[in-house]
Protein backbone atom coordinates (compact mmCIF):
# COMPACT_ATOMS: atom_id res chain seq x y z
CA MET A 1 10.46 2.84 24.19
CA ILE A 2 9.21 2.80 20.60
CA THR A 3 6.72 -0.03 20.09
CA GLY A 4 5.89 0.86 16.49
CA ILE A 5 6.98 3.30 13.82
CA THR A 6 4.28 5.68 12.68
CA PHE A 7 4.24 7.80 9.53
CA GLY A 8 4.82 10.86 11.70
CA VAL A 9 7.90 9.31 13.33
CA PHE A 10 9.23 8.37 9.89
CA CYS A 11 8.85 11.96 8.64
CA GLU A 12 10.57 13.33 11.75
CA ARG A 13 13.47 10.93 11.28
CA VAL A 14 13.87 12.01 7.65
CA LYS A 15 13.92 15.69 8.64
CA ARG A 16 16.58 15.11 11.29
CA ARG A 17 18.83 13.18 8.90
CA LEU A 18 18.53 15.80 6.16
CA SER A 19 19.13 18.71 8.54
CA ASN A 20 21.98 16.99 10.44
CA GLY A 21 20.10 17.35 13.70
CA TRP A 22 16.99 19.41 14.35
CA PRO A 23 15.28 21.00 11.33
CA THR A 24 15.32 24.79 11.33
CA ILE A 25 12.84 27.28 9.95
CA LYS A 26 14.78 27.18 6.67
CA PHE A 27 13.93 23.51 6.19
CA ASN A 28 11.46 23.57 3.30
CA ILE A 29 10.45 19.92 2.80
CA SER A 30 6.92 19.21 4.00
CA ASP A 31 5.57 16.00 5.49
CA ASN A 32 3.37 15.52 2.42
CA GLU A 33 6.39 15.67 0.12
CA ILE A 34 8.22 13.15 2.27
CA MET A 35 5.22 10.83 2.07
CA LEU A 36 5.18 11.08 -1.74
CA TYR A 37 8.72 9.71 -1.78
CA PHE A 38 7.83 7.19 0.91
CA TYR A 39 4.91 5.71 -1.04
CA GLY A 40 6.99 5.22 -4.18
CA SER A 41 9.98 3.80 -2.33
CA ALA A 42 7.90 1.50 -0.10
CA ALA A 43 6.00 0.09 -3.10
CA THR A 44 9.35 -0.67 -4.76
CA VAL A 45 10.56 -2.47 -1.61
CA ILE A 46 7.33 -4.52 -1.46
CA LYS A 47 7.62 -5.60 -5.10
CA ASN A 48 11.35 -6.34 -4.85
CA THR A 49 10.77 -8.46 -1.74
CA SER A 50 8.19 -10.55 -3.56
CA ASP A 51 10.36 -10.81 -6.69
CA LEU A 52 13.37 -11.92 -4.62
CA ALA A 53 11.35 -14.68 -2.95
CA TYR A 54 10.23 -15.84 -6.39
CA LYS A 55 13.83 -15.96 -7.65
CA ILE A 56 15.04 -17.92 -4.62
CA ASP A 57 12.13 -20.27 -3.87
CA GLY A 58 10.31 -20.29 -7.21
CA ILE A 59 7.16 -19.25 -5.37
CA ARG A 60 5.85 -15.69 -5.43
CA SER A 61 4.85 -14.68 -1.93
CA ALA A 62 2.71 -11.98 -0.37
CA PRO A 63 4.60 -11.09 2.85
CA GLU A 64 2.17 -10.68 5.73
CA GLY A 65 4.17 -7.81 7.22
CA PHE A 66 3.18 -5.58 4.29
CA LEU A 67 -0.56 -6.32 4.41
CA THR A 68 -3.04 -3.55 5.20
CA ASN A 69 -6.76 -4.34 5.44
CA TYR A 70 -9.07 -1.68 4.00
CA GLN A 71 -12.70 -1.87 5.14
CA TYR A 72 -15.75 -0.48 3.33
CA SER A 73 -19.31 -0.29 4.57
CA GLY A 74 -22.31 -0.51 2.26
CA SER A 75 -22.53 3.28 2.07
CA ALA A 76 -19.08 3.41 0.43
CA ILE A 77 -20.11 0.98 -2.32
CA THR A 78 -21.57 2.39 -5.53
CA TRP A 79 -23.61 0.62 -8.21
CA ASP A 80 -23.38 1.29 -11.93
CA LYS A 81 -26.75 0.62 -13.57
CA THR A 82 -25.18 0.34 -17.03
CA SER A 83 -22.72 -2.45 -16.25
CA GLY A 84 -24.51 -3.80 -13.17
CA LEU A 85 -21.21 -3.78 -11.28
CA TYR A 86 -20.62 -2.59 -7.73
CA SER A 87 -17.41 -0.73 -6.98
CA VAL A 88 -15.34 1.00 -4.31
CA SER A 89 -12.36 3.30 -4.69
CA LEU A 90 -9.07 1.92 -3.41
CA PRO A 91 -6.65 4.29 -1.62
CA ALA A 92 -4.26 3.77 -4.56
CA PRO A 93 -3.79 1.37 -7.46
CA PRO A 94 -2.34 -1.95 -6.26
CA VAL A 95 1.41 -2.52 -6.32
CA ASP A 96 2.87 -4.02 -9.48
CA LEU A 97 2.04 -7.66 -8.70
CA PRO A 98 -0.70 -9.97 -10.03
CA LEU A 99 -4.09 -10.19 -8.31
CA GLY A 100 -3.88 -12.71 -5.52
CA TYR A 101 -0.63 -11.09 -4.40
CA SER A 102 -1.21 -7.32 -4.72
CA VAL A 103 -4.81 -7.81 -3.51
CA LYS A 104 -5.02 -10.78 -1.18
CA SER A 105 -8.32 -12.68 -0.82
CA PRO A 106 -10.96 -9.94 -0.31
CA TYR A 107 -13.98 -11.00 1.75
CA PHE A 108 -17.16 -9.77 3.45
CA SER A 109 -17.61 -9.85 7.21
CA GLY A 110 -20.59 -9.44 9.52
CA SER A 111 -22.60 -11.20 12.23
CA GLN A 112 -19.36 -12.57 13.70
CA SER A 113 -18.46 -14.47 10.53
CA GLU A 114 -16.57 -14.09 7.28
CA SER A 115 -17.49 -15.01 3.72
CA TYR A 116 -15.47 -17.12 1.36
CA PRO A 117 -12.87 -15.04 -0.53
CA LEU A 118 -14.06 -13.10 -3.56
CA ILE A 119 -13.06 -14.63 -6.90
CA ALA A 120 -10.48 -12.69 -8.91
CA ILE A 121 -10.90 -11.88 -12.59
CA HIS A 122 -7.40 -11.34 -13.94
CA SER A 123 -6.65 -8.85 -16.67
CA PHE A 124 -5.72 -11.55 -19.19
CA ASN A 125 -9.17 -13.23 -19.04
CA ARG A 126 -11.55 -10.46 -18.01
CA GLY A 127 -13.22 -10.47 -21.43
CA PHE A 128 -14.33 -14.11 -21.18
CA ALA A 129 -14.02 -14.96 -17.48
CA MET A 130 -17.76 -15.50 -17.00
CA LYS A 131 -17.79 -17.93 -19.94
CA LEU A 132 -15.40 -20.26 -18.15
CA PRO A 133 -16.56 -22.96 -15.70
CA THR A 134 -17.32 -21.03 -12.51
CA PRO A 135 -18.97 -21.71 -9.15
CA ASN A 136 -22.71 -21.13 -8.98
CA TYR A 137 -22.28 -18.79 -6.02
CA GLY A 138 -19.75 -16.14 -5.15
CA VAL A 139 -18.80 -12.55 -5.83
CA TYR A 140 -16.31 -11.84 -8.59
CA TYR A 141 -13.96 -8.87 -8.59
CA ARG A 142 -11.55 -7.11 -10.90
CA VAL A 143 -9.35 -4.06 -10.47
CA THR A 144 -9.16 -1.20 -12.94
CA GLY A 145 -6.61 1.33 -11.78
CA GLN A 146 -7.93 2.54 -8.45
CA SER A 147 -11.40 1.04 -8.91
CA PHE A 148 -12.29 -2.27 -7.23
CA GLU A 149 -15.24 -3.63 -9.23
CA MET A 150 -17.52 -6.50 -8.20
CA ASP A 151 -20.06 -8.71 -9.95
CA SER A 152 -22.38 -10.02 -7.24
CA ARG A 153 -24.68 -11.88 -9.65
CA GLY A 154 -27.70 -9.92 -8.53
CA TYR A 155 -27.04 -9.74 -4.78
CA ASP A 156 -27.46 -6.27 -3.25
CA LEU A 157 -24.09 -5.38 -1.72
CA ILE A 158 -25.07 -1.87 -0.64
CA ASN A 159 -27.88 -2.90 1.74
CA SER A 160 -26.33 -6.16 2.90
CA ASN A 161 -25.13 -4.75 6.28
CA LEU A 162 -21.78 -6.40 5.58
CA LEU A 163 -18.28 -4.93 5.60
CA LEU A 164 -16.10 -5.39 2.54
CA ASN A 165 -12.51 -6.22 3.55
CA ILE A 166 -9.71 -5.76 1.02
CA PRO A 167 -6.28 -6.88 2.29
CA MET A 168 -3.59 -5.34 0.09
CA LEU A 169 0.17 -5.15 -0.07
CA SER A 170 0.25 -1.41 0.34
CA PRO A 171 2.48 1.35 1.75
CA ARG A 172 -0.61 3.38 2.70
CA SER A 173 -2.39 3.12 6.04
CA ALA A 174 -6.07 2.30 6.43
CA THR A 175 -7.01 5.79 7.63
CA GLY A 176 -4.31 8.05 6.15
CA ASN A 177 -3.34 9.55 9.51
CA PHE A 178 0.25 10.34 10.50
CA THR A 179 -0.37 8.55 13.81
CA ASP A 180 -0.99 5.23 12.03
CA LEU A 181 1.65 2.53 12.25
CA ILE A 182 3.59 1.67 9.09
CA ASN A 183 2.71 -1.89 8.08
CA MET A 184 6.21 -2.94 7.11
CA PRO A 185 8.89 -5.08 8.77
CA ASP A 186 11.71 -3.09 10.38
CA GLU A 187 14.27 -4.05 7.74
CA ALA A 188 11.91 -2.93 4.97
CA ILE A 189 11.32 0.41 6.72
CA GLU A 190 15.10 0.90 6.89
CA MET A 191 15.47 0.16 3.18
CA THR A 192 12.65 2.58 2.41
CA PHE A 193 14.19 5.24 4.66
CA GLU A 194 17.54 5.09 2.85
CA MET A 195 15.78 5.32 -0.53
CA VAL A 196 13.80 8.37 0.60
CA ILE A 197 16.95 10.04 1.95
CA LYS A 198 18.75 9.46 -1.34
CA GLU A 199 15.89 10.91 -3.39
CA LEU A 200 15.42 13.96 -1.17
CA THR A 201 19.16 14.63 -0.91
CA GLU A 202 19.44 14.67 -4.69
CA ARG A 203 16.32 16.82 -4.95
CA GLN A 204 17.56 19.33 -2.36
CA ASN A 205 21.30 18.94 -3.06
CA THR A 206 21.77 19.04 0.70
CA PRO A 207 25.33 19.47 2.02
CA THR A 208 26.17 16.83 4.65
CA ASP A 209 29.04 16.16 7.06
CA ARG A 210 30.03 12.71 5.85
CA VAL A 211 32.59 11.98 8.59
CA ASN A 212 31.93 12.50 12.29
CA ASP A 213 35.46 13.72 13.09
CA GLY A 214 34.62 16.93 14.89
CA ASN A 215 35.14 18.91 11.71
CA ASN A 216 31.98 20.74 10.68
CA GLN A 217 33.19 21.45 7.16
CA PHE A 218 30.40 20.22 4.87
CA THR A 219 30.85 18.30 1.64
CA GLN A 220 28.33 17.59 -1.07
CA GLN A 221 26.57 14.22 -0.95
CA PRO A 222 27.49 12.28 -4.10
């Protein structure tokens, strides 16, 4: 019984579909290549799911089934003495959604408690965000590509003995292992699977038996 779909199981399923059974030694698509297509397709599914909810309900949502929590200890945080900002490197740039949806309420945890969420600085006001009325306390954050940057207002985040938690809508796992579960609902995994198959079939121009009629004469996938 399969209780969860891992990245390794996903890759094996793709190989079996493309090879019409068990992959042979001639099968030349690696797991890493499959994952490249998976990441792009899964990110598209995540964004389209959020966009569809916005079109139907008028409210942009951040589906919980897509959330992955990335944790960073103090040793993973760096400090830039020029800007005074602390930063960590995200596993990938966030999906194409605004902060608050792509990155969902980051926080610090430790001593059996959690902090209030970090305060987002959006791209449209990052030049004057600190001039606006703001709380006296709190850590501010902004995202530049793959860099998650924080203004702690003088508090030492490296030696705080706290864990930084960054929940994100992301197709990537927290550890990057093939044994990790895919954080996506089953229907989204199926949509992603079909997208990956389409891309790899076009890339490989793989002949497939389109009708299971006992005739093994292959035809080209359109």
